Amino acid sequence: MAATQAKAEEVFLAILARFTAAGRVVSDSKHGSYAPRLFAEEAEAKDAGITQPYLEGAMRRLLHARRLYVKTIKDKVGRERKVLEVEGGF
């Protein structure tokens, strides 16, 4: 179990880094661009056998450990959005 949780955290951070580098933002909110839902569809997660519930747990643990944080940004039309970022950036 601990190995799967650690792998889920590793996969979560790797996919988040790739999304961030591509300018794609994700959220901790279950609406819209919910990171665990989107990440579960990515090849890294599928290849590792990491499902959405494991990615949800990974996100919660990473937020609790302050390795991730929620940042408020403005979108193209000026609305505020909450997005996930890695503490310290990439």
PDB file of N, CA and C in Angstrom:
ATOM      1  N   MET A   1       0.827  -1.197   0.000  1.00  0.00           N
ATOM      2  CA  MET A   1       0.000   0.000   0.000  1.00  0.00           C
ATOM      3  C   MET A   1       0.871   1.260   0.000  1.00  0.00           C
ATOM      4  N   ALA A   2       1.868   1.302   0.859  1.00  0.00           N
ATOM      5  CA  ALA A   2       2.743   2.474   0.941  1.00  0.00           C
ATOM      6  C   ALA A   2       3.492   2.688  -0.375  1.00  0.00           C
ATOM      7  N   ALA A   3       3.888   1.597  -1.023  1.00  0.00           N
ATOM      8  CA  ALA A   3       4.601   1.715  -2.291  1.00  0.00           C
ATOM      9  C   ALA A   3       3.685   2.296  -3.367  1.00  0.00           C
ATOM     10  N   THR A   4       2.418   1.883  -3.370  1.00  0.00           N
ATOM     11  CA  THR A   4       1.465   2.402  -4.340  1.00  0.00           C
ATOM     12  C   THR A   4       1.192   3.875  -4.082  1.00  0.00           C
ATOM     13  N   GLN A   5       1.089   4.250  -2.812  1.00  0.00           N
ATOM     14  CA  GLN A   5       0.866   5.656  -2.478  1.00  0.00           C
ATOM     15  C   GLN A   5       2.048   6.514  -2.907  1.00  0.00           C
ATOM     16  N   ALA A   6       3.256   6.030  -2.668  1.00  0.00           N
ATOM     17  CA  ALA A   6       4.454   6.770  -3.072  1.00  0.00           C
ATOM     18  C   ALA A   6       4.517   6.894  -4.594  1.00  0.00           C
ATOM     19  N   LYS A   7       4.174   5.817  -5.300  1.00  0.00           N
ATOM     20  CA  LYS A   7       4.170   5.851  -6.767  1.00  0.00           C
ATOM     21  C   LYS A   7       3.117   6.833  -7.267  1.00  0.00           C
ATOM     22  N   ALA A   8       1.948   6.858  -6.612  1.00  0.00           N
ATOM     23  CA  ALA A   8       0.887   7.790  -7.007  1.00  0.00           C
ATOM     24  C   ALA A   8       1.350   9.233  -6.851  1.00  0.00           C
ATOM     25  N   GLU A   9       2.070   9.530  -5.773  1.00  0.00           N
ATOM     26  CA  GLU A   9       2.594  10.885  -5.573  1.00  0.00           C
ATOM     27  C   GLU A   9       3.606  11.233  -6.655  1.00  0.00           C
ATOM     28  N   GLU A  10       4.479  10.291  -6.973  1.00  0.00           N
ATOM     29  CA  GLU A  10       5.490  10.505  -8.007  1.00  0.00           C
ATOM     30  C   GLU A  10       4.822  10.767  -9.359  1.00  0.00           C
ATOM     31  N   VAL A  11       3.833   9.955  -9.705  1.00  0.00           N
ATOM     32  CA  VAL A  11       3.111  10.112 -10.961  1.00  0.00           C
ATOM     33  C   VAL A  11       2.363  11.443 -10.983  1.00  0.00           C
ATOM     34  N   PHE A  12       1.708  11.790  -9.871  1.00  0.00           N
ATOM     35  CA  PHE A  12       0.972  13.049  -9.789  1.00  0.00           C
ATOM     36  C   PHE A  12       1.900  14.222 -10.075  1.00  0.00           C
ATOM     37  N   LEU A  13       3.055  14.255  -9.414  1.00  0.00           N
ATOM     38  CA  LEU A  13       3.991  15.365  -9.604  1.00  0.00           C
ATOM     39  C   LEU A  13       4.559  15.403 -11.013  1.00  0.00           C
ATOM     40  N   ALA A  14       4.829  14.234 -11.597  1.00  0.00           N
ATOM     41  CA  ALA A  14       5.372  14.187 -12.958  1.00  0.00           C
ATOM     42  C   ALA A  14       4.359  14.726 -13.966  1.00  0.00           C
ATOM     43  N   ILE A  15       3.112  14.311 -13.827  1.00  0.00           N
ATOM     44  CA  ILE A  15       2.088  14.789 -14.759  1.00  0.00           C
ATOM     45  C   ILE A  15       1.832  16.279 -14.549  1.00  0.00           C
ATOM     46  N   LEU A  16       1.798  16.710 -13.294  1.00  0.00           N
ATOM     47  CA  LEU A  16       1.602  18.133 -13.019  1.00  0.00           C
ATOM     48  C   LEU A  16       2.729  18.963 -13.640  1.00  0.00           C
ATOM     49  N   ALA A  17       3.955  18.481 -13.553  1.00  0.00           N
ATOM     50  CA  ALA A  17       5.087  19.198 -14.154  1.00  0.00           C
ATOM     51  C   ALA A  17       4.908  19.308 -15.666  1.00  0.00           C
ATOM     52  N   ARG A  18       4.478  18.229 -16.291  1.00  0.00           N
ATOM     53  CA  ARG A  18       4.274  18.234 -17.735  1.00  0.00           C
ATOM     54  C   ARG A  18       3.138  19.180 -18.125  1.00  0.00           C
ATOM     55  N   PHE A  19       2.031  19.123 -17.392  1.00  0.00           N
ATOM     56  CA  PHE A  19       0.909  20.020 -17.671  1.00  0.00           C
ATOM     57  C   PHE A  19       1.331  21.476 -17.497  1.00  0.00           C
ATOM     58  N   THR A  20       2.031  21.774 -16.421  1.00  0.00           N
ATOM     59  CA  THR A  20       2.455  23.150 -16.147  1.00  0.00           C
ATOM     60  C   THR A  20       3.384  23.653 -17.248  1.00  0.00           C
ATOM     61  N   ALA A  21       4.314  22.822 -17.672  1.00  0.00           N
ATOM     62  CA  ALA A  21       5.243  23.213 -18.736  1.00  0.00           C
ATOM     63  C   ALA A  21       4.503  23.488 -20.044  1.00  0.00           C
ATOM     64  N   ALA A  22       3.380  22.811 -20.247  1.00  0.00           N
ATOM     65  CA  ALA A  22       2.591  22.999 -21.457  1.00  0.00           C
ATOM     66  C   ALA A  22       1.567  24.129 -21.317  1.00  0.00           C
ATOM     67  N   GLY A  23       1.541  24.775 -20.152  1.00  0.00           N
ATOM     68  CA  GLY A  23       0.602  25.864 -19.929  1.00  0.00           C
ATOM     69  C   GLY A  23      -0.804  25.406 -19.593  1.00  0.00           C
ATOM     70  N   ARG A  24      -0.960  24.147 -19.217  1.00  0.00           N
ATOM     71  CA  ARG A  24      -2.270  23.610 -18.840  1.00  0.00           C
ATOM     72  C   ARG A  24      -2.402  23.692 -17.327  1.00  0.00           C
ATOM     73  N   VAL A  25      -3.481  24.294 -16.857  1.00  0.00           N
ATOM     74  CA  VAL A  25      -3.694  24.425 -15.422  1.00  0.00           C
ATOM     75  C   VAL A  25      -4.716  23.403 -14.955  1.00  0.00           C
ATOM     76  N   VAL A  26      -4.530  22.933 -13.723  1.00  0.00           N
ATOM     77  CA  VAL A  26      -5.447  21.981 -13.108  1.00  0.00           C
ATOM     78  C   VAL A  26      -5.805  22.474 -11.723  1.00  0.00           C
ATOM     79  N   SER A  27      -6.872  21.903 -11.181  1.00  0.00           N
ATOM     80  CA  SER A  27      -7.409  22.380  -9.917  1.00  0.00           C
ATOM     81  C   SER A  27      -7.587  21.239  -8.925  1.00  0.00           C
ATOM     82  N   ASP A  28      -7.734  21.622  -7.657  1.00  0.00           N
ATOM     83  CA  ASP A  28      -8.060  20.650  -6.619  1.00  0.00           C
ATOM     84  C   ASP A  28      -9.572  20.535  -6.441  1.00  0.00           C
ATOM     85  N   SER A  29     -10.314  21.340  -7.172  1.00  0.00           N
ATOM     86  CA  SER A  29     -11.770  21.345  -7.104  1.00  0.00           C
ATOM     87  C   SER A  29     -12.336  20.315  -8.077  1.00  0.00           C
ATOM     88  N   LYS A  30     -13.374  19.606  -7.658  1.00  0.00           N
ATOM     89  CA  LYS A  30     -13.950  18.559  -8.509  1.00  0.00           C
ATOM     90  C   LYS A  30     -14.687  19.100  -9.726  1.00  0.00           C
ATOM     91  N   HIS A  31     -14.716  20.394  -9.887  1.00  0.00           N
ATOM     92  CA  HIS A  31     -15.337  21.015 -11.059  1.00  0.00           C
ATOM     93  C   HIS A  31     -14.274  21.261 -12.116  1.00  0.00           C
ATOM     94  N   GLY A  32     -14.656  21.181 -13.370  1.00  0.00           N
ATOM     95  CA  GLY A  32     -13.765  21.561 -14.460  1.00  0.00           C
ATOM     96  C   GLY A  32     -12.496  20.742 -14.567  1.00  0.00           C
ATOM     97  N   SER A  33     -11.368  21.370 -14.362  1.00  0.00           N
ATOM     98  CA  SER A  33     -10.063  20.737 -14.601  1.00  0.00           C
ATOM     99  C   SER A  33      -9.515  20.083 -13.332  1.00  0.00           C
ATOM    100  N   TYR A  34     -10.270  19.154 -12.772  1.00  0.00           N
ATOM    101  CA  TYR A  34      -9.896  18.428 -11.556  1.00  0.00           C
ATOM    102  C   TYR A  34      -8.691  17.542 -11.836  1.00  0.00           C
ATOM    103  N   ALA A  35      -7.578  17.841 -11.207  1.00  0.00           N
ATOM    104  CA  ALA A  35      -6.308  17.180 -11.491  1.00  0.00           C
ATOM    105  C   ALA A  35      -6.391  15.656 -11.448  1.00  0.00           C
ATOM    106  N   PRO A  36      -6.886  15.023 -10.379  1.00  0.00           N
ATOM    107  CA  PRO A  36      -6.891  13.555 -10.359  1.00  0.00           C
ATOM    108  C   PRO A  36      -7.676  12.925 -11.510  1.00  0.00           C
ATOM    109  N   ARG A  37      -8.790  13.533 -11.891  1.00  0.00           N
ATOM    110  CA  ARG A  37      -9.596  12.987 -12.993  1.00  0.00           C
ATOM    111  C   ARG A  37      -8.828  13.076 -14.309  1.00  0.00           C
ATOM    112  N   LEU A  38      -8.222  14.247 -14.568  1.00  0.00           N
ATOM    113  CA  LEU A  38      -7.464  14.428 -15.803  1.00  0.00           C
ATOM    114  C   LEU A  38      -6.209  13.563 -15.820  1.00  0.00           C
ATOM    115  N   PHE A  39      -5.514  13.497 -14.693  1.00  0.00           N
ATOM    116  CA  PHE A  39      -4.264  12.751 -14.628  1.00  0.00           C
ATOM    117  C   PHE A  39      -4.485  11.249 -14.777  1.00  0.00           C
ATOM    118  N   ALA A  40      -5.622  10.738 -14.318  1.00  0.00           N
ATOM    119  CA  ALA A  40      -5.913   9.304 -14.416  1.00  0.00           C
ATOM    120  C   ALA A  40      -6.002   8.849 -15.871  1.00  0.00           C
ATOM    121  N   GLU A  41      -6.257   9.786 -16.782  1.00  0.00           N
ATOM    122  CA  GLU A  41      -6.363   9.458 -18.198  1.00  0.00           C
ATOM    123  C   GLU A  41      -5.019   9.510 -18.925  1.00  0.00           C
ATOM    124  N   GLU A  42      -3.986   9.962 -18.248  1.00  0.00           N
ATOM    125  CA  GLU A  42      -2.670  10.111 -18.874  1.00  0.00           C
ATOM    126  C   GLU A  42      -1.900   8.786 -18.882  1.00  0.00           C
ATOM    127  N   ALA A  43      -1.013   8.643 -19.866  1.00  0.00           N
ATOM    128  CA  ALA A  43      -0.266   7.401 -20.053  1.00  0.00           C
ATOM    129  C   ALA A  43       0.553   7.024 -18.822  1.00  0.00           C
ATOM    130  N   GLU A  44       1.169   8.012 -18.166  1.00  0.00           N
ATOM    131  CA  GLU A  44       1.997   7.700 -16.989  1.00  0.00           C
ATOM    132  C   GLU A  44       1.174   6.990 -15.919  1.00  0.00           C
ATOM    133  N   ALA A  45      -0.027   7.474 -15.677  1.00  0.00           N
ATOM    134  CA  ALA A  45      -0.887   6.875 -14.648  1.00  0.00           C
ATOM    135  C   ALA A  45      -1.367   5.497 -15.089  1.00  0.00           C
ATOM    136  N   LYS A  46      -1.819   5.405 -16.324  1.00  0.00           N
ATOM    137  CA  LYS A  46      -2.316   4.119 -16.822  1.00  0.00           C
ATOM    138  C   LYS A  46      -1.214   3.060 -16.821  1.00  0.00           C
ATOM    139  N   ASP A  47      -0.025   3.434 -17.284  1.00  0.00           N
ATOM    140  CA  ASP A  47       1.086   2.483 -17.327  1.00  0.00           C
ATOM    141  C   ASP A  47       1.481   2.002 -15.935  1.00  0.00           C
ATOM    142  N   ALA A  48       1.358   2.892 -14.933  1.00  0.00           N
ATOM    143  CA  ALA A  48       1.722   2.543 -13.555  1.00  0.00           C
ATOM    144  C   ALA A  48       0.565   1.891 -12.797  1.00  0.00           C
ATOM    145  N   GLY A  49      -0.621   1.825 -13.416  1.00  0.00           N
ATOM    146  CA  GLY A  49      -1.780   1.254 -12.754  1.00  0.00           C
ATOM    147  C   GLY A  49      -2.333   2.135 -11.637  1.00  0.00           C
ATOM    148  N   ILE A  50      -2.101   3.440 -11.758  1.00  0.00           N
ATOM    149  CA  ILE A  50      -2.553   4.392 -10.741  1.00  0.00           C
ATOM    150  C   ILE A  50      -3.904   4.965 -11.186  1.00  0.00           C
ATOM    151  N   THR A  51      -4.934   4.729 -10.387  1.00  0.00           N
ATOM    152  CA  THR A  51      -6.284   5.166 -10.720  1.00  0.00           C
ATOM    153  C   THR A  51      -6.621   6.493 -10.042  1.00  0.00           C
ATOM    154  N   GLN A  52      -7.763   7.055 -10.413  1.00  0.00           N
ATOM    155  CA  GLN A  52      -8.177   8.351  -9.868  1.00  0.00           C
ATOM    156  C   GLN A  52      -8.215   8.366  -8.337  1.00  0.00           C
ATOM    157  N   PRO A  53      -8.755   7.348  -7.662  1.00  0.00           N
ATOM    158  CA  PRO A  53      -8.755   7.408  -6.186  1.00  0.00           C
ATOM    159  C   PRO A  53      -7.342   7.508  -5.591  1.00  0.00           C
ATOM    160  N   TYR A  54      -6.368   6.812  -6.181  1.00  0.00           N
ATOM    161  CA  TYR A  54      -4.993   6.929  -5.691  1.00  0.00           C
ATOM    162  C   TYR A  54      -4.437   8.323  -5.950  1.00  0.00           C
ATOM    163  N   LEU A  55      -4.782   8.909  -7.103  1.00  0.00           N
ATOM    164  CA  LEU A  55      -4.320  10.258  -7.412  1.00  0.00           C
ATOM    165  C   LEU A  55      -4.984  11.289  -6.510  1.00  0.00           C
ATOM    166  N   GLU A  56      -6.239  11.057  -6.123  1.00  0.00           N
ATOM    167  CA  GLU A  56      -6.899  11.952  -5.168  1.00  0.00           C
ATOM    168  C   GLU A  56      -6.191  11.903  -3.820  1.00  0.00           C
ATOM    169  N   GLY A  57      -5.855  10.702  -3.369  1.00  0.00           N
ATOM    170  CA  GLY A  57      -5.112  10.563  -2.114  1.00  0.00           C
ATOM    171  C   GLY A  57      -3.752  11.218  -2.192  1.00  0.00           C
ATOM    172  N   ALA A  58      -3.078  11.036  -3.332  1.00  0.00           N
ATOM    173  CA  ALA A  58      -1.759  11.646  -3.523  1.00  0.00           C
ATOM    174  C   ALA A  58      -1.860  13.159  -3.448  1.00  0.00           C
ATOM    175  N   MET A  59      -2.864  13.730  -4.099  1.00  0.00           N
ATOM    176  CA  MET A  59      -3.037  15.181  -4.074  1.00  0.00           C
ATOM    177  C   MET A  59      -3.264  15.665  -2.644  1.00  0.00           C
ATOM    178  N   ARG A  60      -4.118  14.991  -1.901  1.00  0.00           N
ATOM    179  CA  ARG A  60      -4.380  15.395  -0.507  1.00  0.00           C
ATOM    180  C   ARG A  60      -3.106  15.317   0.337  1.00  0.00           C
ATOM    181  N   ARG A  61      -2.351  14.229   0.175  1.00  0.00           N
ATOM    182  CA  ARG A  61      -1.108  14.088   0.950  1.00  0.00           C
ATOM    183  C   ARG A  61      -0.094  15.160   0.572  1.00  0.00           C
ATOM    184  N   LEU A  62       0.040  15.441  -0.714  1.00  0.00           N
ATOM    185  CA  LEU A  62       0.991  16.455  -1.175  1.00  0.00           C
ATOM    186  C   LEU A  62       0.586  17.849  -0.703  1.00  0.00           C
ATOM    187  N   LEU A  63      -0.708  18.139  -0.696  1.00  0.00           N
ATOM    188  CA  LEU A  63      -1.175  19.426  -0.165  1.00  0.00           C
ATOM    189  C   LEU A  63      -0.903  19.507   1.332  1.00  0.00           C
ATOM    190  N   HIS A  64      -1.194  18.434   2.050  1.00  0.00           N
ATOM    191  CA  HIS A  64      -0.981  18.413   3.500  1.00  0.00           C
ATOM    192  C   HIS A  64       0.507  18.576   3.850  1.00  0.00           C
ATOM    193  N   ALA A  65       1.366  17.966   3.042  1.00  0.00           N
ATOM    194  CA  ALA A  65       2.809  18.043   3.274  1.00  0.00           C
ATOM    195  C   ALA A  65       3.399  19.353   2.749  1.00  0.00           C
ATOM    196  N   ARG A  66       2.545  20.184   2.161  1.00  0.00           N
ATOM    197  CA  ARG A  66       2.942  21.480   1.594  1.00  0.00           C
ATOM    198  C   ARG A  66       3.932  21.351   0.432  1.00  0.00           C
ATOM    199  N   ARG A  67       3.825  20.238  -0.283  1.00  0.00           N
ATOM    200  CA  ARG A  67       4.619  20.083  -1.506  1.00  0.00           C
ATOM    201  C   ARG A  67       3.851  20.648  -2.697  1.00  0.00           C
ATOM    202  N   LEU A  68       2.533  20.789  -2.520  1.00  0.00           N
ATOM    203  CA  LEU A  68       1.657  21.441  -3.486  1.00  0.00           C
ATOM    204  C   LEU A  68       0.937  22.566  -2.785  1.00  0.00           C
ATOM    205  N   TYR A  69       0.491  23.544  -3.556  1.00  0.00           N
ATOM    206  CA  TYR A  69      -0.358  24.573  -2.985  1.00  0.00           C
ATOM    207  C   TYR A  69      -1.354  25.040  -4.041  1.00  0.00           C
ATOM    208  N   VAL A  70      -2.403  25.690  -3.561  1.00  0.00           N
ATOM    209  CA  VAL A  70      -3.435  26.217  -4.433  1.00  0.00           C
ATOM    210  C   VAL A  70      -3.164  27.706  -4.613  1.00  0.00           C
ATOM    211  N   LYS A  71      -3.072  28.115  -5.856  1.00  0.00           N
ATOM    212  CA  LYS A  71      -2.786  29.509  -6.200  1.00  0.00           C
ATOM    213  C   LYS A  71      -3.992  30.081  -6.941  1.00  0.00           C
ATOM    214  N   THR A  72      -4.311  31.334  -6.694  1.00  0.00           N
ATOM    215  CA  THR A  72      -5.392  32.008  -7.411  1.00  0.00           C
ATOM    216  C   THR A  72      -4.796  32.814  -8.550  1.00  0.00           C
ATOM    217  N   ILE A  73      -5.317  32.566  -9.755  1.00  0.00           N
ATOM    218  CA  ILE A  73      -4.877  33.307 -10.943  1.00  0.00           C
ATOM    219  C   ILE A  73      -6.110  33.894 -11.624  1.00  0.00           C
ATOM    220  N   LYS A  74      -5.891  34.757 -12.595  1.00  0.00           N
ATOM    221  CA  LYS A  74      -6.986  35.291 -13.410  1.00  0.00           C
ATOM    222  C   LYS A  74      -6.886  34.651 -14.788  1.00  0.00           C
ATOM    223  N   ASP A  75      -8.026  34.198 -15.304  1.00  0.00           N
ATOM    224  CA  ASP A  75      -8.034  33.608 -16.639  1.00  0.00           C
ATOM    225  C   ASP A  75      -8.065  34.702 -17.705  1.00  0.00           C
ATOM    226  N   LYS A  76      -8.214  34.304 -18.951  1.00  0.00           N
ATOM    227  CA  LYS A  76      -8.147  35.257 -20.071  1.00  0.00           C
ATOM    228  C   LYS A  76      -9.197  36.350 -20.018  1.00  0.00           C
ATOM    229  N   VAL A  77     -10.333  36.060 -19.404  1.00  0.00           N
ATOM    230  CA  VAL A  77     -11.393  37.062 -19.337  1.00  0.00           C
ATOM    231  C   VAL A  77     -11.467  37.746 -17.976  1.00  0.00           C
ATOM    232  N   GLY A  78     -10.473  37.503 -17.126  1.00  0.00           N
ATOM    233  CA  GLY A  78     -10.381  38.196 -15.854  1.00  0.00           C
ATOM    234  C   GLY A  78     -11.038  37.514 -14.663  1.00  0.00           C
ATOM    235  N   ARG A  79     -11.589  36.315 -14.862  1.00  0.00           N
ATOM    236  CA  ARG A  79     -12.182  35.583 -13.743  1.00  0.00           C
ATOM    237  C   ARG A  79     -11.089  34.906 -12.930  1.00  0.00           C
ATOM    238  N   GLU A  80     -11.308  34.844 -11.631  1.00  0.00           N
ATOM    239  CA  GLU A  80     -10.337  34.164 -10.769  1.00  0.00           C
ATOM    240  C   GLU A  80     -10.522  32.664 -10.856  1.00  0.00           C
ATOM    241  N   ARG A  81      -9.394  31.955 -10.892  1.00  0.00           N
ATOM    242  CA  ARG A  81      -9.368  30.493 -10.898  1.00  0.00           C
ATOM    243  C   ARG A  81      -8.370  30.031  -9.868  1.00  0.00           C
ATOM    244  N   LYS A  82      -8.658  28.933  -9.237  1.00  0.00           N
ATOM    245  CA  LYS A  82      -7.717  28.325  -8.308  1.00  0.00           C
ATOM    246  C   LYS A  82      -7.030  27.177  -9.032  1.00  0.00           C
ATOM    247  N   VAL A  83      -5.696  27.178  -9.004  1.00  0.00           N
ATOM    248  CA  VAL A  83      -4.920  26.166  -9.712  1.00  0.00           C
ATOM    249  C   VAL A  83      -3.887  25.563  -8.771  1.00  0.00           C
ATOM    250  N   LEU A  84      -3.468  24.345  -9.107  1.00  0.00           N
ATOM    251  CA  LEU A  84      -2.438  23.659  -8.326  1.00  0.00           C
ATOM    252  C   LEU A  84      -1.060  23.995  -8.849  1.00  0.00           C
ATOM    253  N   GLU A  85      -0.128  24.189  -7.931  1.00  0.00           N
ATOM    254  CA  GLU A  85       1.274  24.392  -8.273  1.00  0.00           C
ATOM    255  C   GLU A  85       2.141  23.654  -7.279  1.00  0.00           C
ATOM    256  N   VAL A  86       3.330  23.307  -7.712  1.00  0.00           N
ATOM    257  CA  VAL A  86       4.302  22.663  -6.831  1.00  0.00           C
ATOM    258  C   VAL A  86       4.974  23.744  -5.998  1.00  0.00           C
ATOM    259  N   GLU A  87       5.127  23.497  -4.719  1.00  0.00           N
ATOM    260  CA  GLU A  87       5.814  24.442  -3.842  1.00  0.00           C
ATOM    261  C   GLU A  87       7.224  24.681  -4.372  1.00  0.00           C
ATOM    262  N   GLY A  88       7.577  25.922  -4.549  1.00  0.00           N
ATOM    263  CA  GLY A  88       8.902  26.262  -5.042  1.00  0.00           C
ATOM    264  C   GLY A  88       8.998  26.306  -6.554  1.00  0.00           C
ATOM    265  N   GLY A  89       7.924  25.941  -7.255  1.00  0.00           N
ATOM    266  CA  GLY A  89       7.920  25.981  -8.711  1.00  0.00           C
ATOM    267  C   GLY A  89       8.659  24.814  -9.323  1.00  0.00           C
ATOM    268  N   PHE A  90       8.845  24.883 -10.634  1.00  0.00           N
ATOM    269  CA  PHE A  90       9.510  23.799 -11.361  1.00  0.00           C
ATOM    270  C   PHE A  90      10.883  24.204 -11.781  1.00  0.00           C
TER     271      PHE A  90
END
